[in-house]
Amino acid sequence: MPRPPSPESFLPLKPHWFHVLLSLADREQHGYGIMLEVLERTGGKVRLWPATLYGTLKRLMDEDLIEESDERPAPEADDARRRYYRLTRLGRRVLAAESTRLEDLVRLIRAKRGMAERGAES
């Protein structure tokens, strides 16, 4: 049986992949819900058009980072045509690794900015 890929082998994540994984971090969602959450979370700066979103969902499923969920909301709150997605175990690990990578990058930026500001004051 082949070993699963390491989370680090996916890094750095493509921005669309990161936003989709982040949208699924705390709950299962359907495609349109993911699209709306990303749009709201980014203040409209990241827009996942349907072709981009559904291509990304397919690639994430092919890489075993997300999977289709069998769980559905109550019928009166659902549309039978919707497909719901959730993170896989590997997907959670990849999201955590990318989050750590981005946090480290932000720390580096802040440190560099601090050095530049101190240099400007001298």
C-alpha atoms as a PDB file:
ATOM      1  CA  MET A   1       0.000   0.000   0.000  1.00  0.00           C
ATOM      2  CA  PRO A   2       1.536   3.343  -1.017  1.00  0.00           C
ATOM      3  CA  ARG A   3       2.205   5.926   1.684  1.00  0.00           C
ATOM      4  CA  PRO A   4      -0.044   8.962   1.598  1.00  0.00           C
ATOM      5  CA  PRO A   5       1.710  12.133   0.478  1.00  0.00           C
ATOM      6  CA  SER A   6       3.063  14.433   3.164  1.00  0.00           C
ATOM      7  CA  PRO A   7       1.078  17.632   3.735  1.00  0.00           C
ATOM      8  CA  GLU A   8       4.198  19.652   2.907  1.00  0.00           C
ATOM      9  CA  SER A   9       4.289  18.152  -0.599  1.00  0.00           C
ATOM     10  CA  PHE A  10       1.225  20.298  -1.441  1.00  0.00           C
ATOM     11  CA  LEU A  11       2.823  23.573  -0.308  1.00  0.00           C
ATOM     12  CA  PRO A  12       2.576  26.329  -1.154  1.00  0.00           C
ATOM     13  CA  LEU A  13      -1.110  25.850  -1.858  1.00  0.00           C
ATOM     14  CA  LYS A  14      -2.738  27.586  -4.774  1.00  0.00           C
ATOM     15  CA  PRO A  15      -4.815  30.472  -3.360  1.00  0.00           C
ATOM     16  CA  HIS A  16      -8.106  28.969  -4.581  1.00  0.00           C
ATOM     17  CA  TRP A  17      -7.256  25.651  -2.942  1.00  0.00           C
ATOM     18  CA  PHE A  18      -6.471  27.399   0.336  1.00  0.00           C
ATOM     19  CA  HIS A  19      -9.737  29.348   0.330  1.00  0.00           C
ATOM     20  CA  VAL A  20     -11.820  26.242  -0.388  1.00  0.00           C
ATOM     21  CA  LEU A  21     -10.074  24.196   2.316  1.00  0.00           C
ATOM     22  CA  LEU A  22     -10.478  27.053   4.785  1.00  0.00           C
ATOM     23  CA  SER A  23     -14.204  27.258   3.986  1.00  0.00           C
ATOM     24  CA  LEU A  24     -14.563  23.584   4.853  1.00  0.00           C
ATOM     25  CA  ALA A  25     -12.488  23.767   8.051  1.00  0.00           C
ATOM     26  CA  ASP A  26     -15.442  24.140  10.396  1.00  0.00           C
ATOM     27  CA  ARG A  27     -18.345  22.603   8.477  1.00  0.00           C
ATOM     28  CA  GLU A  28     -19.483  20.789   5.382  1.00  0.00           C
ATOM     29  CA  GLN A  29     -20.691  23.032   2.603  1.00  0.00           C
ATOM     30  CA  HIS A  30     -22.031  22.945  -0.932  1.00  0.00           C
ATOM     31  CA  GLY A  31     -20.278  24.730  -3.772  1.00  0.00           C
ATOM     32  CA  TYR A  32     -22.393  27.870  -3.776  1.00  0.00           C
ATOM     33  CA  GLY A  33     -21.960  28.194   0.007  1.00  0.00           C
ATOM     34  CA  ILE A  34     -18.177  27.954  -0.414  1.00  0.00           C
ATOM     35  CA  MET A  35     -18.284  30.609  -3.135  1.00  0.00           C
ATOM     36  CA  LEU A  36     -20.285  32.994  -0.923  1.00  0.00           C
ATOM     37  CA  GLU A  37     -18.110  32.426   2.157  1.00  0.00           C
ATOM     38  CA  VAL A  38     -14.897  33.145   0.236  1.00  0.00           C
ATOM     39  CA  LEU A  39     -16.406  36.272  -1.275  1.00  0.00           C
ATOM     40  CA  GLU A  40     -17.548  37.528   2.143  1.00  0.00           C
ATOM     41  CA  ARG A  41     -14.372  36.542   4.013  1.00  0.00           C
ATOM     42  CA  THR A  42     -12.157  38.340   1.499  1.00  0.00           C
ATOM     43  CA  GLY A  43     -14.316  41.439   1.232  1.00  0.00           C
ATOM     44  CA  GLY A  44     -14.975  40.641  -2.432  1.00  0.00           C
ATOM     45  CA  LYS A  45     -11.273  40.439  -3.332  1.00  0.00           C
ATOM     46  CA  VAL A  46     -11.382  36.717  -4.132  1.00  0.00           C
ATOM     47  CA  ARG A  47     -14.215  35.615  -6.363  1.00  0.00           C
ATOM     48  CA  LEU A  48     -14.495  31.932  -7.202  1.00  0.00           C
ATOM     49  CA  TRP A  49     -16.436  31.850 -10.441  1.00  0.00           C
ATOM     50  CA  PRO A  50     -18.332  28.581 -10.997  1.00  0.00           C
ATOM     51  CA  ALA A  51     -15.849  27.132 -13.517  1.00  0.00           C
ATOM     52  CA  THR A  52     -12.935  27.899 -11.194  1.00  0.00           C
ATOM     53  CA  LEU A  53     -14.741  26.636  -8.103  1.00  0.00           C
ATOM     54  CA  TYR A  54     -15.951  23.350  -9.548  1.00  0.00           C
ATOM     55  CA  GLY A  55     -12.608  22.678 -11.259  1.00  0.00           C
ATOM     56  CA  THR A  56     -10.899  23.321  -7.915  1.00  0.00           C
ATOM     57  CA  LEU A  57     -13.329  21.020  -6.082  1.00  0.00           C
ATOM     58  CA  LYS A  58     -12.634  18.244  -8.595  1.00  0.00           C
ATOM     59  CA  ARG A  59      -8.859  18.625  -8.259  1.00  0.00           C
ATOM     60  CA  LEU A  60      -9.088  18.696  -4.449  1.00  0.00           C
ATOM     61  CA  MET A  61     -11.141  15.478  -4.551  1.00  0.00           C
ATOM     62  CA  ASP A  62      -8.639  13.896  -6.968  1.00  0.00           C
ATOM     63  CA  GLU A  63      -5.845  14.729  -4.485  1.00  0.00           C
ATOM     64  CA  ASP A  64      -7.896  13.295  -1.572  1.00  0.00           C
ATOM     65  CA  LEU A  65      -8.003  16.644   0.245  1.00  0.00           C
ATOM     66  CA  ILE A  66     -11.799  16.826   0.236  1.00  0.00           C
ATOM     67  CA  GLU A  67     -14.588  14.329  -0.278  1.00  0.00           C
ATOM     68  CA  GLU A  68     -18.255  14.439  -1.044  1.00  0.00           C
ATOM     69  CA  SER A  69     -20.405  14.102   2.060  1.00  0.00           C
ATOM     70  CA  ASP A  70     -23.385  11.797   2.404  1.00  0.00           C
ATOM     71  CA  GLU A  71     -24.861  13.903   5.195  1.00  0.00           C
ATOM     72  CA  ARG A  72     -27.579  16.329   4.161  1.00  0.00           C
ATOM     73  CA  PRO A  73     -29.543  19.053   5.891  1.00  0.00           C
ATOM     74  CA  ALA A  74     -33.244  18.635   6.507  1.00  0.00           C
ATOM     75  CA  PRO A  75     -35.124  18.336   3.174  1.00  0.00           C
ATOM     76  CA  GLU A  76     -36.944  21.648   3.681  1.00  0.00           C
ATOM     77  CA  ALA A  77     -33.574  23.430   4.003  1.00  0.00           C
ATOM     78  CA  ASP A  78     -31.902  21.596   1.136  1.00  0.00           C
ATOM     79  CA  ASP A  79     -31.877  21.327  -2.624  1.00  0.00           C
ATOM     80  CA  ALA A  80     -31.444  17.743  -3.855  1.00  0.00           C
ATOM     81  CA  ARG A  81     -29.120  18.961  -6.637  1.00  0.00           C
ATOM     82  CA  ARG A  82     -26.516  20.260  -4.172  1.00  0.00           C
ATOM     83  CA  ARG A  83     -23.390  18.293  -3.455  1.00  0.00           C
ATOM     84  CA  TYR A  84     -21.824  18.798  -0.043  1.00  0.00           C
ATOM     85  CA  TYR A  85     -18.085  18.603   0.593  1.00  0.00           C
ATOM     86  CA  ARG A  86     -15.905  18.071   3.654  1.00  0.00           C
ATOM     87  CA  LEU A  87     -12.208  17.936   4.414  1.00  0.00           C
ATOM     88  CA  THR A  88     -10.468  14.588   4.536  1.00  0.00           C
ATOM     89  CA  ARG A  89      -7.874  13.851   7.202  1.00  0.00           C
ATOM     90  CA  LEU A  90      -5.145  14.696   4.694  1.00  0.00           C
ATOM     91  CA  GLY A  91      -7.001  17.887   3.770  1.00  0.00           C
ATOM     92  CA  ARG A  92      -7.013  18.991   7.420  1.00  0.00           C
ATOM     93  CA  ARG A  93      -3.291  18.302   7.698  1.00  0.00           C
ATOM     94  CA  VAL A  94      -2.553  20.218   4.484  1.00  0.00           C
ATOM     95  CA  LEU A  95      -4.638  23.186   5.668  1.00  0.00           C
ATOM     96  CA  ALA A  96      -2.787  23.196   8.995  1.00  0.00           C
ATOM     97  CA  ALA A  97       0.607  23.031   7.252  1.00  0.00           C
ATOM     98  CA  GLU A  98      -0.285  25.874   4.886  1.00  0.00           C
ATOM     99  CA  SER A  99      -1.641  27.967   7.770  1.00  0.00           C
ATOM    100  CA  THR A 100       1.636  27.501   9.640  1.00  0.00           C
ATOM    101  CA  ARG A 101       3.609  28.409   6.508  1.00  0.00           C
ATOM    102  CA  LEU A 102       1.581  31.598   6.058  1.00  0.00           C
ATOM    103  CA  GLU A 103       1.899  32.529   9.754  1.00  0.00           C
ATOM    104  CA  ASP A 104       5.685  32.116   9.499  1.00  0.00           C
ATOM    105  CA  LEU A 105       5.702  34.299   6.398  1.00  0.00           C
ATOM    106  CA  VAL A 106       3.711  37.039   8.148  1.00  0.00           C
ATOM    107  CA  ARG A 107       6.147  36.925  11.100  1.00  0.00           C
ATOM    108  CA  LEU A 108       9.048  37.335   8.672  1.00  0.00           C
ATOM    109  CA  ILE A 109       7.346  40.276   6.956  1.00  0.00           C
ATOM    110  CA  ARG A 110       6.700  41.983  10.293  1.00  0.00           C
ATOM    111  CA  ALA A 111      10.300  41.430  11.392  1.00  0.00           C
ATOM    112  CA  LYS A 112      11.622  42.848   8.122  1.00  0.00           C
ATOM    113  CA  ARG A 113       9.254  45.804   8.354  1.00  0.00           C
ATOM    114  CA  GLY A 114      10.445  46.449  11.917  1.00  0.00           C
ATOM    115  CA  MET A 115      14.067  46.393  10.796  1.00  0.00           C
ATOM    116  CA  ALA A 116      13.318  48.769   7.941  1.00  0.00           C
ATOM    117  CA  GLU A 117      11.491  51.178  10.255  1.00  0.00           C
ATOM    118  CA  ARG A 118      14.387  51.136  12.745  1.00  0.00           C
ATOM    119  CA  GLY A 119      16.829  51.742   9.897  1.00  0.00           C
ATOM    120  CA  ALA A 120      14.799  54.722   8.664  1.00  0.00           C
ATOM    121  CA  GLU A 121      14.874  56.254  12.151  1.00  0.00           C
ATOM    122  CA  SER A 122      18.694  56.083  12.368  1.00  0.00           C
END
